[in-house]
Amino acid sequence: MAPEPQDPQTPRTVTDEHVETLRVRRAPKYGVFLVLGAAVGVLVAMILTFVFHGTEEPSAAGVQYTQMQVFGFLALVCAVVGLTVGGVIALLLDRAMARRARDVSVEVAHVRRDED
C-alpha cells in the first residue's frame, strides 16, 4: 500500500496493487443458439406441413385434422428438437473454444480513499 501525498484538505488515496493470472476464452451465447434452433425447427415444421398433404381418407377414428392443426403439432415437436440440436451445437462449440483459452497477466488495483 502506497499512500499518495496530497494537500491536507483532500483525503489521501490508498492503492493496493497486485498482479493476477487470468484465463481468457471466447464462449458462444447459448440463448442465440437455442432461439435459432427453435426457429429452424418451426421452419422445418412449416415445410413438412405444406409439402406432404397426407391422405384424403379419414383415419380409423374418423378424425380429420386441418392443415393448421398439423402445423401446430409438427411445430411443437420440431421446435423442441431444434432447441435441443441448437443447445448441443452451442455446447460443442464451447468445448472447442475452451481448448483455445489463453492465460494473461493483469494488474489489479484497488483504490480507496482514506478518510481521516
PDB file of N, CA and C in Angstrom:
ATOM      1  N   MET A   1       0.835  -1.173   0.000  1.00  0.00           N
ATOM      2  CA  MET A   1       0.000   0.000   0.000  1.00  0.00           C
ATOM      3  C   MET A   1       0.881   1.237   0.000  1.00  0.00           C
ATOM      4  N   ALA A   2       0.628   2.095  -0.930  1.00  0.00           N
ATOM      5  CA  ALA A   2       1.432   3.301  -1.045  1.00  0.00           C
ATOM      6  C   ALA A   2       0.528   4.520  -1.006  1.00  0.00           C
ATOM      7  N   PRO A   3       0.547   5.264   0.114  1.00  0.00           N
ATOM      8  CA  PRO A   3      -0.283   6.472   0.158  1.00  0.00           C
ATOM      9  C   PRO A   3       0.304   7.544  -0.740  1.00  0.00           C
ATOM     10  N   GLU A   4      -0.557   8.252  -1.421  1.00  0.00           N
ATOM     11  CA  GLU A   4      -0.120   9.313  -2.314  1.00  0.00           C
ATOM     12  C   GLU A   4      -0.130  10.637  -1.555  1.00  0.00           C
ATOM     13  N   PRO A   5       0.951  11.416  -1.647  1.00  0.00           N
ATOM     14  CA  PRO A   5       0.967  12.700  -0.946  1.00  0.00           C
ATOM     15  C   PRO A   5       0.041  13.693  -1.641  1.00  0.00           C
ATOM     16  N   GLN A   6      -0.804  14.319  -0.848  1.00  0.00           N
ATOM     17  CA  GLN A   6      -1.719  15.320  -1.364  1.00  0.00           C
ATOM     18  C   GLN A   6      -1.796  16.458  -0.362  1.00  0.00           C
ATOM     19  N   ASP A   7      -2.478  17.502  -0.748  1.00  0.00           N
ATOM     20  CA  ASP A   7      -2.604  18.605   0.200  1.00  0.00           C
ATOM     21  C   ASP A   7      -3.517  18.192   1.354  1.00  0.00           C
ATOM     22  N   PRO A   8      -3.429  18.828   2.491  1.00  0.00           N
ATOM     23  CA  PRO A   8      -4.158  18.382   3.680  1.00  0.00           C
ATOM     24  C   PRO A   8      -5.669  18.499   3.568  1.00  0.00           C
ATOM     25  N   GLN A   9      -6.204  19.230   2.629  1.00  0.00           N
ATOM     26  CA  GLN A   9      -7.645  19.406   2.559  1.00  0.00           C
ATOM     27  C   GLN A   9      -8.347  18.276   1.808  1.00  0.00           C
ATOM     28  N   THR A  10      -7.640  17.524   0.979  1.00  0.00           N
ATOM     29  CA  THR A  10      -8.251  16.398   0.269  1.00  0.00           C
ATOM     30  C   THR A  10      -7.824  15.106   0.944  1.00  0.00           C
ATOM     31  N   PRO A  11      -8.703  14.107   0.998  1.00  0.00           N
ATOM     32  CA  PRO A  11      -8.343  12.849   1.655  1.00  0.00           C
ATOM     33  C   PRO A  11      -7.258  12.100   0.883  1.00  0.00           C
ATOM     34  N   ARG A  12      -6.468  11.319   1.617  1.00  0.00           N
ATOM     35  CA  ARG A  12      -5.422  10.515   0.984  1.00  0.00           C
ATOM     36  C   ARG A  12      -6.061   9.355   0.240  1.00  0.00           C
ATOM     37  N   THR A  13      -5.406   8.931  -0.833  1.00  0.00           N
ATOM     38  CA  THR A  13      -5.856   7.779  -1.593  1.00  0.00           C
ATOM     39  C   THR A  13      -4.896   6.634  -1.333  1.00  0.00           C
ATOM     40  N   VAL A  14      -5.452   5.490  -0.900  1.00  0.00           N
ATOM     41  CA  VAL A  14      -4.644   4.308  -0.630  1.00  0.00           C
ATOM     42  C   VAL A  14      -4.871   3.329  -1.772  1.00  0.00           C
ATOM     43  N   THR A  15      -3.792   2.862  -2.383  1.00  0.00           N
ATOM     44  CA  THR A  15      -3.876   1.957  -3.522  1.00  0.00           C
ATOM     45  C   THR A  15      -3.217   0.634  -3.174  1.00  0.00           C
ATOM     46  N   ASP A  16      -3.930  -0.449  -3.442  1.00  0.00           N
ATOM     47  CA  ASP A  16      -3.398  -1.796  -3.241  1.00  0.00           C
ATOM     48  C   ASP A  16      -3.302  -2.438  -4.622  1.00  0.00           C
ATOM     49  N   GLU A  17      -2.087  -2.734  -5.079  1.00  0.00           N
ATOM     50  CA  GLU A  17      -1.884  -3.288  -6.417  1.00  0.00           C
ATOM     51  C   GLU A  17      -1.236  -4.658  -6.331  1.00  0.00           C
ATOM     52  N   HIS A  18      -1.671  -5.565  -7.200  1.00  0.00           N
ATOM     53  CA  HIS A  18      -1.031  -6.869  -7.339  1.00  0.00           C
ATOM     54  C   HIS A  18      -1.328  -7.416  -8.736  1.00  0.00           C
ATOM     55  N   VAL A  19      -0.558  -8.409  -9.131  1.00  0.00           N
ATOM     56  CA  VAL A  19      -0.693  -8.997 -10.463  1.00  0.00           C
ATOM     57  C   VAL A  19      -1.350 -10.364 -10.322  1.00  0.00           C
ATOM     58  N   GLU A  20      -2.363 -10.619 -11.161  1.00  0.00           N
ATOM     59  CA  GLU A  20      -3.052 -11.911 -11.179  1.00  0.00           C
ATOM     60  C   GLU A  20      -2.977 -12.495 -12.582  1.00  0.00           C
ATOM     61  N   THR A  21      -3.064 -13.818 -12.652  1.00  0.00           N
ATOM     62  CA  THR A  21      -3.116 -14.501 -13.939  1.00  0.00           C
ATOM     63  C   THR A  21      -4.551 -14.969 -14.163  1.00  0.00           C
ATOM     64  N   LEU A  22      -5.121 -14.579 -15.290  1.00  0.00           N
ATOM     65  CA  LEU A  22      -6.494 -14.941 -15.627  1.00  0.00           C
ATOM     66  C   LEU A  22      -6.521 -15.732 -16.923  1.00  0.00           C
ATOM     67  N   ARG A  23      -7.551 -16.556 -17.068  1.00  0.00           N
ATOM     68  CA  ARG A  23      -7.748 -17.332 -18.290  1.00  0.00           C
ATOM     69  C   ARG A  23      -8.817 -16.639 -19.126  1.00  0.00           C
ATOM     70  N   VAL A  24      -8.471 -16.328 -20.379  1.00  0.00           N
ATOM     71  CA  VAL A  24      -9.380 -15.633 -21.287  1.00  0.00           C
ATOM     72  C   VAL A  24      -9.770 -16.597 -22.399  1.00  0.00           C
ATOM     73  N   ARG A  25     -11.088 -16.683 -22.640  1.00  0.00           N
ATOM     74  CA  ARG A  25     -11.564 -17.525 -23.732  1.00  0.00           C
ATOM     75  C   ARG A  25     -12.883 -16.967 -24.238  1.00  0.00           C
ATOM     76  N   ARG A  26     -13.195 -17.332 -25.456  1.00  0.00           N
ATOM     77  CA  ARG A  26     -14.466 -16.932 -26.048  1.00  0.00           C
ATOM     78  C   ARG A  26     -15.498 -18.005 -25.737  1.00  0.00           C
ATOM     79  N   ALA A  27     -16.735 -17.593 -25.614  1.00  0.00           N
ATOM     80  CA  ALA A  27     -17.816 -18.539 -25.345  1.00  0.00           C
ATOM     81  C   ALA A  27     -19.024 -18.160 -26.201  1.00  0.00           C
ATOM     82  N   PRO A  28     -19.719 -19.158 -26.726  1.00  0.00           N
ATOM     83  CA  PRO A  28     -20.909 -18.847 -27.529  1.00  0.00           C
ATOM     84  C   PRO A  28     -22.052 -18.370 -26.638  1.00  0.00           C
ATOM     85  N   LYS A  29     -22.949 -17.603 -27.219  1.00  0.00           N
ATOM     86  CA  LYS A  29     -24.135 -17.157 -26.493  1.00  0.00           C
ATOM     87  C   LYS A  29     -25.200 -18.239 -26.664  1.00  0.00           C
ATOM     88  N   TYR A  30     -25.475 -18.943 -25.580  1.00  0.00           N
ATOM     89  CA  TYR A  30     -26.378 -20.084 -25.649  1.00  0.00           C
ATOM     90  C   TYR A  30     -27.782 -19.686 -26.084  1.00  0.00           C
ATOM     91  N   GLY A  31     -28.254 -18.549 -25.632  1.00  0.00           N
ATOM     92  CA  GLY A  31     -29.602 -18.111 -25.990  1.00  0.00           C
ATOM     93  C   GLY A  31     -29.793 -17.962 -27.486  1.00  0.00           C
ATOM     94  N   VAL A  32     -28.786 -17.442 -28.155  1.00  0.00           N
ATOM     95  CA  VAL A  32     -28.869 -17.267 -29.612  1.00  0.00           C
ATOM     96  C   VAL A  32     -28.989 -18.625 -30.295  1.00  0.00           C
ATOM     97  N   PHE A  33     -28.176 -19.588 -29.858  1.00  0.00           N
ATOM     98  CA  PHE A  33     -28.229 -20.917 -30.462  1.00  0.00           C
ATOM     99  C   PHE A  33     -29.568 -21.600 -30.189  1.00  0.00           C
ATOM    100  N   LEU A  34     -30.111 -21.425 -28.998  1.00  0.00           N
ATOM    101  CA  LEU A  34     -31.392 -22.048 -28.670  1.00  0.00           C
ATOM    102  C   LEU A  34     -32.526 -21.433 -29.490  1.00  0.00           C
ATOM    103  N   VAL A  35     -32.544 -20.117 -29.609  1.00  0.00           N
ATOM    104  CA  VAL A  35     -33.603 -19.453 -30.380  1.00  0.00           C
ATOM    105  C   VAL A  35     -33.495 -19.813 -31.860  1.00  0.00           C
ATOM    106  N   LEU A  36     -32.274 -19.809 -32.399  1.00  0.00           N
ATOM    107  CA  LEU A  36     -32.111 -20.184 -33.808  1.00  0.00           C
ATOM    108  C   LEU A  36     -32.507 -21.637 -34.050  1.00  0.00           C
ATOM    109  N   GLY A  37     -32.171 -22.521 -33.115  1.00  0.00           N
ATOM    110  CA  GLY A  37     -32.568 -23.924 -33.253  1.00  0.00           C
ATOM    111  C   GLY A  37     -34.074 -24.083 -33.267  1.00  0.00           C
ATOM    112  N   ALA A  38     -34.763 -23.376 -32.370  1.00  0.00           N
ATOM    113  CA  ALA A  38     -36.224 -23.450 -32.336  1.00  0.00           C
ATOM    114  C   ALA A  38     -36.827 -22.858 -33.607  1.00  0.00           C
ATOM    115  N   ALA A  39     -36.252 -21.762 -34.107  1.00  0.00           N
ATOM    116  CA  ALA A  39     -36.764 -21.149 -35.337  1.00  0.00           C
ATOM    117  C   ALA A  39     -36.587 -22.081 -36.534  1.00  0.00           C
ATOM    118  N   VAL A  40     -35.449 -22.750 -36.609  1.00  0.00           N
ATOM    119  CA  VAL A  40     -35.227 -23.713 -37.694  1.00  0.00           C
ATOM    120  C   VAL A  40     -36.217 -24.870 -37.561  1.00  0.00           C
ATOM    121  N   GLY A  41     -36.501 -25.283 -36.329  1.00  0.00           N
ATOM    122  CA  GLY A  41     -37.486 -26.345 -36.110  1.00  0.00           C
ATOM    123  C   GLY A  41     -38.867 -25.956 -36.601  1.00  0.00           C
ATOM    124  N   VAL A  42     -39.289 -24.727 -36.331  1.00  0.00           N
ATOM    125  CA  VAL A  42     -40.597 -24.259 -36.802  1.00  0.00           C
ATOM    126  C   VAL A  42     -40.609 -24.161 -38.326  1.00  0.00           C
ATOM    127  N   LEU A  43     -39.507 -23.736 -38.917  1.00  0.00           N
ATOM    128  CA  LEU A  43     -39.408 -23.671 -40.377  1.00  0.00           C
ATOM    129  C   LEU A  43     -39.522 -25.068 -40.992  1.00  0.00           C
ATOM    130  N   VAL A  44     -38.863 -26.042 -40.374  1.00  0.00           N
ATOM    131  CA  VAL A  44     -38.968 -27.430 -40.852  1.00  0.00           C
ATOM    132  C   VAL A  44     -40.408 -27.921 -40.725  1.00  0.00           C
ATOM    133  N   ALA A  45     -41.083 -27.569 -39.636  1.00  0.00           N
ATOM    134  CA  ALA A  45     -42.484 -27.965 -39.460  1.00  0.00           C
ATOM    135  C   ALA A  45     -43.358 -27.359 -40.552  1.00  0.00           C
ATOM    136  N   MET A  46     -43.090 -26.115 -40.910  1.00  0.00           N
ATOM    137  CA  MET A  46     -43.870 -25.472 -41.967  1.00  0.00           C
ATOM    138  C   MET A  46     -43.640 -26.167 -43.305  1.00  0.00           C
ATOM    139  N   ILE A  47     -42.394 -26.503 -43.585  1.00  0.00           N
ATOM    140  CA  ILE A  47     -42.087 -27.201 -44.843  1.00  0.00           C
ATOM    141  C   ILE A  47     -42.765 -28.563 -44.872  1.00  0.00           C
ATOM    142  N   LEU A  48     -42.670 -29.299 -43.771  1.00  0.00           N
ATOM    143  CA  LEU A  48     -43.304 -30.623 -43.723  1.00  0.00           C
ATOM    144  C   LEU A  48     -44.818 -30.531 -43.865  1.00  0.00           C
ATOM    145  N   THR A  49     -45.413 -29.505 -43.297  1.00  0.00           N
ATOM    146  CA  THR A  49     -46.871 -29.355 -43.362  1.00  0.00           C
ATOM    147  C   THR A  49     -47.349 -29.124 -44.786  1.00  0.00           C
ATOM    148  N   PHE A  50     -46.664 -28.255 -45.513  1.00  0.00           N
ATOM    149  CA  PHE A  50     -47.168 -27.873 -46.828  1.00  0.00           C
ATOM    150  C   PHE A  50     -46.637 -28.729 -47.970  1.00  0.00           C
ATOM    151  N   VAL A  51     -45.586 -29.526 -47.726  1.00  0.00           N
ATOM    152  CA  VAL A  51     -45.071 -30.406 -48.776  1.00  0.00           C
ATOM    153  C   VAL A  51     -45.842 -31.717 -48.805  1.00  0.00           C
ATOM    154  N   PHE A  52     -46.099 -32.284 -47.633  1.00  0.00           N
ATOM    155  CA  PHE A  52     -46.817 -33.556 -47.553  1.00  0.00           C
ATOM    156  C   PHE A  52     -48.267 -33.275 -47.182  1.00  0.00           C
ATOM    157  N   HIS A  53     -49.165 -33.605 -48.077  1.00  0.00           N
ATOM    158  CA  HIS A  53     -50.577 -33.306 -47.855  1.00  0.00           C
ATOM    159  C   HIS A  53     -51.312 -34.419 -47.124  1.00  0.00           C
ATOM    160  N   GLY A  54     -50.698 -35.542 -46.930  1.00  0.00           N
ATOM    161  CA  GLY A  54     -51.373 -36.646 -46.250  1.00  0.00           C
ATOM    162  C   GLY A  54     -52.319 -37.368 -47.185  1.00  0.00           C
ATOM    163  N   THR A  55     -53.260 -38.062 -46.610  1.00  0.00           N
ATOM    164  CA  THR A  55     -54.233 -38.810 -47.413  1.00  0.00           C
ATOM    165  C   THR A  55     -55.583 -38.111 -47.359  1.00  0.00           C
ATOM    166  N   GLU A  56     -56.415 -38.421 -48.321  1.00  0.00           N
ATOM    167  CA  GLU A  56     -57.764 -37.856 -48.359  1.00  0.00           C
ATOM    168  C   GLU A  56     -58.733 -38.682 -47.526  1.00  0.00           C
ATOM    169  N   GLU A  57     -58.317 -39.872 -47.138  1.00  0.00           N
ATOM    170  CA  GLU A  57     -59.199 -40.745 -46.364  1.00  0.00           C
ATOM    171  C   GLU A  57     -59.168 -40.352 -44.895  1.00  0.00           C
ATOM    172  N   PRO A  58     -60.297 -40.392 -44.228  1.00  0.00           N
ATOM    173  CA  PRO A  58     -60.293 -40.128 -42.787  1.00  0.00           C
ATOM    174  C   PRO A  58     -59.614 -41.277 -42.040  1.00  0.00           C
ATOM    175  N   SER A  59     -59.151 -40.986 -40.850  1.00  0.00           N
ATOM    176  CA  SER A  59     -58.481 -42.016 -40.054  1.00  0.00           C
ATOM    177  C   SER A  59     -59.500 -43.029 -39.559  1.00  0.00           C
ATOM    178  N   ALA A  60     -59.010 -44.087 -38.903  1.00  0.00           N
ATOM    179  CA  ALA A  60     -59.894 -45.141 -38.396  1.00  0.00           C
ATOM    180  C   ALA A  60     -60.859 -44.582 -37.356  1.00  0.00           C
ATOM    181  N   ALA A  61     -60.449 -43.557 -36.648  1.00  0.00           N
ATOM    182  CA  ALA A  61     -61.320 -42.946 -35.644  1.00  0.00           C
ATOM    183  C   ALA A  61     -62.272 -41.933 -36.267  1.00  0.00           C
ATOM    184  N   GLY A  62     -62.075 -41.636 -37.536  1.00  0.00           N
ATOM    185  CA  GLY A  62     -62.953 -40.698 -38.220  1.00  0.00           C
ATOM    186  C   GLY A  62     -62.577 -39.239 -38.001  1.00  0.00           C
ATOM    187  N   VAL A  63     -61.375 -38.991 -37.512  1.00  0.00           N
ATOM    188  CA  VAL A  63     -60.944 -37.621 -37.232  1.00  0.00           C
ATOM    189  C   VAL A  63     -60.138 -37.088 -38.409  1.00  0.00           C
ATOM    190  N   GLN A  64     -60.429 -35.877 -38.824  1.00  0.00           N
ATOM    191  CA  GLN A  64     -59.644 -35.211 -39.854  1.00  0.00           C
ATOM    192  C   GLN A  64     -59.067 -33.935 -39.252  1.00  0.00           C
ATOM    193  N   TYR A  65     -57.782 -33.716 -39.489  1.00  0.00           N
ATOM    194  CA  TYR A  65     -57.098 -32.535 -38.962  1.00  0.00           C
ATOM    195  C   TYR A  65     -56.910 -31.526 -40.079  1.00  0.00           C
ATOM    196  N   THR A  66     -57.066 -30.261 -39.748  1.00  0.00           N
ATOM    197  CA  THR A  66     -56.816 -29.210 -40.727  1.00  0.00           C
ATOM    198  C   THR A  66     -55.306 -29.041 -40.888  1.00  0.00           C
ATOM    199  N   GLN A  67     -54.936 -28.300 -41.916  1.00  0.00           N
ATOM    200  CA  GLN A  67     -53.516 -28.079 -42.166  1.00  0.00           C
ATOM    201  C   GLN A  67     -52.878 -27.275 -41.026  1.00  0.00           C
ATOM    202  N   MET A  68     -53.599 -26.350 -40.437  1.00  0.00           N
ATOM    203  CA  MET A  68     -53.061 -25.562 -39.324  1.00  0.00           C
ATOM    204  C   MET A  68     -52.883 -26.418 -38.071  1.00  0.00           C
ATOM    205  N   GLN A  69     -53.769 -27.379 -37.840  1.00  0.00           N
ATOM    206  CA  GLN A  69     -53.600 -28.280 -36.701  1.00  0.00           C
ATOM    207  C   GLN A  69     -52.362 -29.148 -36.883  1.00  0.00           C
ATOM    208  N   VAL A  70     -52.169 -29.639 -38.090  1.00  0.00           N
ATOM    209  CA  VAL A  70     -50.980 -30.445 -38.379  1.00  0.00           C
ATOM    210  C   VAL A  70     -49.728 -29.600 -38.190  1.00  0.00           C
ATOM    211  N   PHE A  71     -49.771 -28.355 -38.673  1.00  0.00           N
ATOM    212  CA  PHE A  71     -48.628 -27.465 -38.482  1.00  0.00           C
ATOM    213  C   PHE A  71     -48.361 -27.230 -36.994  1.00  0.00           C
ATOM    214  N   GLY A  72     -49.384 -27.040 -36.207  1.00  0.00           N
ATOM    215  CA  GLY A  72     -49.215 -26.834 -34.768  1.00  0.00           C
ATOM    216  C   GLY A  72     -48.566 -28.022 -34.090  1.00  0.00           C
ATOM    217  N   PHE A  73     -49.029 -29.226 -34.404  1.00  0.00           N
ATOM    218  CA  PHE A  73     -48.434 -30.432 -33.815  1.00  0.00           C
ATOM    219  C   PHE A  73     -46.973 -30.569 -34.223  1.00  0.00           C
ATOM    220  N   LEU A  74     -46.722 -30.404 -35.519  1.00  0.00           N
ATOM    221  CA  LEU A  74     -45.344 -30.524 -36.005  1.00  0.00           C
ATOM    222  C   LEU A  74     -44.446 -29.422 -35.449  1.00  0.00           C
ATOM    223  N   ALA A  75     -44.988 -28.212 -35.304  1.00  0.00           N
ATOM    224  CA  ALA A  75     -44.189 -27.106 -34.765  1.00  0.00           C
ATOM    225  C   ALA A  75     -43.774 -27.395 -33.329  1.00  0.00           C
ATOM    226  N   LEU A  76     -44.662 -27.960 -32.543  1.00  0.00           N
ATOM    227  CA  LEU A  76     -44.309 -28.306 -31.163  1.00  0.00           C
ATOM    228  C   LEU A  76     -43.161 -29.305 -31.118  1.00  0.00           C
ATOM    229  N   VAL A  77     -43.261 -30.337 -31.916  1.00  0.00           N
ATOM    230  CA  VAL A  77     -42.232 -31.380 -31.904  1.00  0.00           C
ATOM    231  C   VAL A  77     -40.929 -30.869 -32.513  1.00  0.00           C
ATOM    232  N   CYS A  78     -41.022 -30.231 -33.675  1.00  0.00           N
ATOM    233  CA  CYS A  78     -39.807 -29.782 -34.367  1.00  0.00           C
ATOM    234  C   CYS A  78     -39.105 -28.647 -33.623  1.00  0.00           C
ATOM    235  N   ALA A  79     -39.851 -27.784 -32.944  1.00  0.00           N
ATOM    236  CA  ALA A  79     -39.220 -26.706 -32.178  1.00  0.00           C
ATOM    237  C   ALA A  79     -38.416 -27.273 -31.016  1.00  0.00           C
ATOM    238  N   VAL A  80     -38.945 -28.287 -30.349  1.00  0.00           N
ATOM    239  CA  VAL A  80     -38.209 -28.911 -29.240  1.00  0.00           C
ATOM    240  C   VAL A  80     -36.958 -29.611 -29.761  1.00  0.00           C
ATOM    241  N   VAL A  81     -37.083 -30.302 -30.878  1.00  0.00           N
ATOM    242  CA  VAL A  81     -35.914 -30.967 -31.468  1.00  0.00           C
ATOM    243  C   VAL A  81     -34.882 -29.929 -31.903  1.00  0.00           C
ATOM    244  N   GLY A  82     -35.322 -28.842 -32.539  1.00  0.00           N
ATOM    245  CA  GLY A  82     -34.406 -27.784 -32.957  1.00  0.00           C
ATOM    246  C   GLY A  82     -33.742 -27.104 -31.775  1.00  0.00           C
ATOM    247  N   LEU A  83     -34.486 -26.902 -30.701  1.00  0.00           N
ATOM    248  CA  LEU A  83     -33.935 -26.326 -29.477  1.00  0.00           C
ATOM    249  C   LEU A  83     -32.835 -27.211 -28.917  1.00  0.00           C
ATOM    250  N   THR A  84     -33.074 -28.503 -28.906  1.00  0.00           N
ATOM    251  CA  THR A  84     -32.078 -29.452 -28.400  1.00  0.00           C
ATOM    252  C   THR A  84     -30.838 -29.468 -29.287  1.00  0.00           C
ATOM    253  N   VAL A  85     -31.038 -29.503 -30.586  1.00  0.00           N
ATOM    254  CA  VAL A  85     -29.896 -29.519 -31.510  1.00  0.00           C
ATOM    255  C   VAL A  85     -29.089 -28.223 -31.385  1.00  0.00           C
ATOM    256  N   GLY A  86     -29.759 -27.086 -31.270  1.00  0.00           N
ATOM    257  CA  GLY A  86     -29.058 -25.815 -31.085  1.00  0.00           C
ATOM    258  C   GLY A  86     -28.248 -25.791 -29.798  1.00  0.00           C
ATOM    259  N   GLY A  87     -28.802 -26.342 -28.721  1.00  0.00           N
ATOM    260  CA  GLY A  87     -28.070 -26.416 -27.461  1.00  0.00           C
ATOM    261  C   GLY A  87     -26.855 -27.315 -27.544  1.00  0.00           C
ATOM    262  N   VAL A  88     -26.991 -28.446 -28.230  1.00  0.00           N
ATOM    263  CA  VAL A  88     -25.856 -29.367 -28.384  1.00  0.00           C
ATOM    264  C   VAL A  88     -24.754 -28.714 -29.218  1.00  0.00           C
ATOM    265  N   ILE A  89     -25.136 -28.005 -30.273  1.00  0.00           N
ATOM    266  CA  ILE A  89     -24.132 -27.318 -31.094  1.00  0.00           C
ATOM    267  C   ILE A  89     -23.404 -26.257 -30.268  1.00  0.00           C
ATOM    268  N   ALA A  90     -24.139 -25.516 -29.443  1.00  0.00           N
ATOM    269  CA  ALA A  90     -23.507 -24.500 -28.592  1.00  0.00           C
ATOM    270  C   ALA A  90     -22.545 -25.143 -27.599  1.00  0.00           C
ATOM    271  N   LEU A  91     -22.929 -26.282 -27.023  1.00  0.00           N
ATOM    272  CA  LEU A  91     -22.029 -26.983 -26.097  1.00  0.00           C
ATOM    273  C   LEU A  91     -20.765 -27.462 -26.796  1.00  0.00           C
ATOM    274  N   LEU A  92     -20.912 -28.002 -28.004  1.00  0.00           N
ATOM    275  CA  LEU A  92     -19.738 -28.469 -28.742  1.00  0.00           C
ATOM    276  C   LEU A  92     -18.812 -27.306 -29.097  1.00  0.00           C
ATOM    277  N   LEU A  93     -19.384 -26.183 -29.500  1.00  0.00           N
ATOM    278  CA  LEU A  93     -18.558 -25.007 -29.789  1.00  0.00           C
ATOM    279  C   LEU A  93     -17.868 -24.484 -28.528  1.00  0.00           C
ATOM    280  N   ASP A  94     -18.561 -24.544 -27.407  1.00  0.00           N
ATOM    281  CA  ASP A  94     -17.961 -24.097 -26.149  1.00  0.00           C
ATOM    282  C   ASP A  94     -16.775 -24.971 -25.773  1.00  0.00           C
ATOM    283  N   ARG A  95     -16.902 -26.269 -25.953  1.00  0.00           N
ATOM    284  CA  ARG A  95     -15.787 -27.185 -25.658  1.00  0.00           C
ATOM    285  C   ARG A  95     -14.614 -26.938 -26.601  1.00  0.00           C
ATOM    286  N   ALA A  96     -14.905 -26.695 -27.871  1.00  0.00           N
ATOM    287  CA  ALA A  96     -13.828 -26.443 -28.832  1.00  0.00           C
ATOM    288  C   ALA A  96     -13.117 -25.126 -28.527  1.00  0.00           C
ATOM    289  N   MET A  97     -13.859 -24.124 -28.119  1.00  0.00           N
ATOM    290  CA  MET A  97     -13.245 -22.836 -27.803  1.00  0.00           C
ATOM    291  C   MET A  97     -12.492 -22.864 -26.476  1.00  0.00           C
ATOM    292  N   ALA A  98     -12.850 -23.777 -25.593  1.00  0.00           N
ATOM    293  CA  ALA A  98     -12.150 -23.878 -24.306  1.00  0.00           C
ATOM    294  C   ALA A  98     -10.705 -24.320 -24.517  1.00  0.00           C
ATOM    295  N   ARG A  99     -10.458 -25.079 -25.568  1.00  0.00           N
ATOM    296  CA  ARG A  99      -9.083 -25.509 -25.849  1.00  0.00           C
ATOM    297  C   ARG A  99      -8.216 -24.352 -26.321  1.00  0.00           C
ATOM    298  N   ARG A 100      -8.830 -23.312 -26.847  1.00  0.00           N
ATOM    299  CA  ARG A 100      -8.083 -22.156 -27.339  1.00  0.00           C
ATOM    300  C   ARG A 100      -7.883 -21.092 -26.263  1.00  0.00           C
ATOM    301  N   ALA A 101      -8.228 -21.388 -25.035  1.00  0.00           N
ATOM    302  CA  ALA A 101      -8.096 -20.402 -23.961  1.00  0.00           C
ATOM    303  C   ALA A 101      -6.629 -20.070 -23.738  1.00  0.00           C
ATOM    304  N   ARG A 102      -6.381 -18.842 -23.319  1.00  0.00           N
ATOM    305  CA  ARG A 102      -5.004 -18.437 -23.060  1.00  0.00           C
ATOM    306  C   ARG A 102      -4.953 -17.710 -21.724  1.00  0.00           C
ATOM    307  N   ASP A 103      -3.786 -17.753 -21.094  1.00  0.00           N
ATOM    308  CA  ASP A 103      -3.579 -17.089 -19.817  1.00  0.00           C
ATOM    309  C   ASP A 103      -2.976 -15.711 -20.054  1.00  0.00           C
ATOM    310  N   VAL A 104      -3.474 -14.732 -19.321  1.00  0.00           N
ATOM    311  CA  VAL A 104      -2.940 -13.375 -19.403  1.00  0.00           C
ATOM    312  C   VAL A 104      -2.684 -12.864 -17.992  1.00  0.00           C
ATOM    313  N   SER A 105      -1.697 -12.002 -17.867  1.00  0.00           N
ATOM    314  CA  SER A 105      -1.396 -11.376 -16.582  1.00  0.00           C
ATOM    315  C   SER A 105      -2.032  -9.995 -16.557  1.00  0.00           C
ATOM    316  N   VAL A 106      -2.743  -9.722 -15.473  1.00  0.00           N
ATOM    317  CA  VAL A 106      -3.391  -8.425 -15.328  1.00  0.00           C
ATOM    318  C   VAL A 106      -2.964  -7.791 -14.016  1.00  0.00           C
ATOM    319  N   GLU A 107      -2.888  -6.500 -14.018  1.00  0.00           N
ATOM    320  CA  GLU A 107      -2.549  -5.767 -12.808  1.00  0.00           C
ATOM    321  C   GLU A 107      -3.848  -5.256 -12.196  1.00  0.00           C
ATOM    322  N   VAL A 108      -4.119  -5.689 -10.978  1.00  0.00           N
ATOM    323  CA  VAL A 108      -5.342  -5.320 -10.283  1.00  0.00           C
ATOM    324  C   VAL A 108      -5.004  -4.230  -9.280  1.00  0.00           C
ATOM    325  N   ALA A 109      -5.743  -3.148  -9.320  1.00  0.00           N
ATOM    326  CA  ALA A 109      -5.518  -2.048  -8.390  1.00  0.00           C
ATOM    327  C   ALA A 109      -6.822  -1.726  -7.672  1.00  0.00           C
ATOM    328  N   HIS A 110      -6.793  -1.786  -6.357  1.00  0.00           N
ATOM    329  CA  HIS A 110      -7.934  -1.396  -5.532  1.00  0.00           C
ATOM    330  C   HIS A 110      -7.614  -0.019  -4.962  1.00  0.00           C
ATOM    331  N   VAL A 111      -8.370   0.972  -5.347  1.00  0.00           N
ATOM    332  CA  VAL A 111      -8.128   2.345  -4.903  1.00  0.00           C
ATOM    333  C   VAL A 111      -9.259   2.737  -3.965  1.00  0.00           C
ATOM    334  N   ARG A 112      -8.894   3.218  -2.795  1.00  0.00           N
ATOM    335  CA  ARG A 112      -9.904   3.677  -1.849  1.00  0.00           C
ATOM    336  C   ARG A 112      -9.388   4.942  -1.166  1.00  0.00           C
ATOM    337  N   ARG A 113     -10.300   5.740  -0.732  1.00  0.00           N
ATOM    338  CA  ARG A 113      -9.931   6.991  -0.067  1.00  0.00           C
ATOM    339  C   ARG A 113      -9.834   6.742   1.425  1.00  0.00           C
ATOM    340  N   ASP A 114      -8.806   7.286   2.000  1.00  0.00           N
ATOM    341  CA  ASP A 114      -8.584   7.151   3.435  1.00  0.00           C
ATOM    342  C   ASP A 114      -9.121   8.407   4.105  1.00  0.00           C
ATOM    343  N   GLU A 115     -10.319   8.299   4.640  1.00  0.00           N
ATOM    344  CA  GLU A 115     -10.950   9.436   5.314  1.00  0.00           C
ATOM    345  C   GLU A 115     -10.441   9.494   6.741  1.00  0.00           C
ATOM    346  N   ASP A 116      -9.744  10.559   7.096  1.00  0.00           N
ATOM    347  CA  ASP A 116      -9.205  10.686   8.459  1.00  0.00           C
ATOM    348  C   ASP A 116     -10.221  11.193   9.425  1.00  0.00           C
TER     349      ASP A 116
END
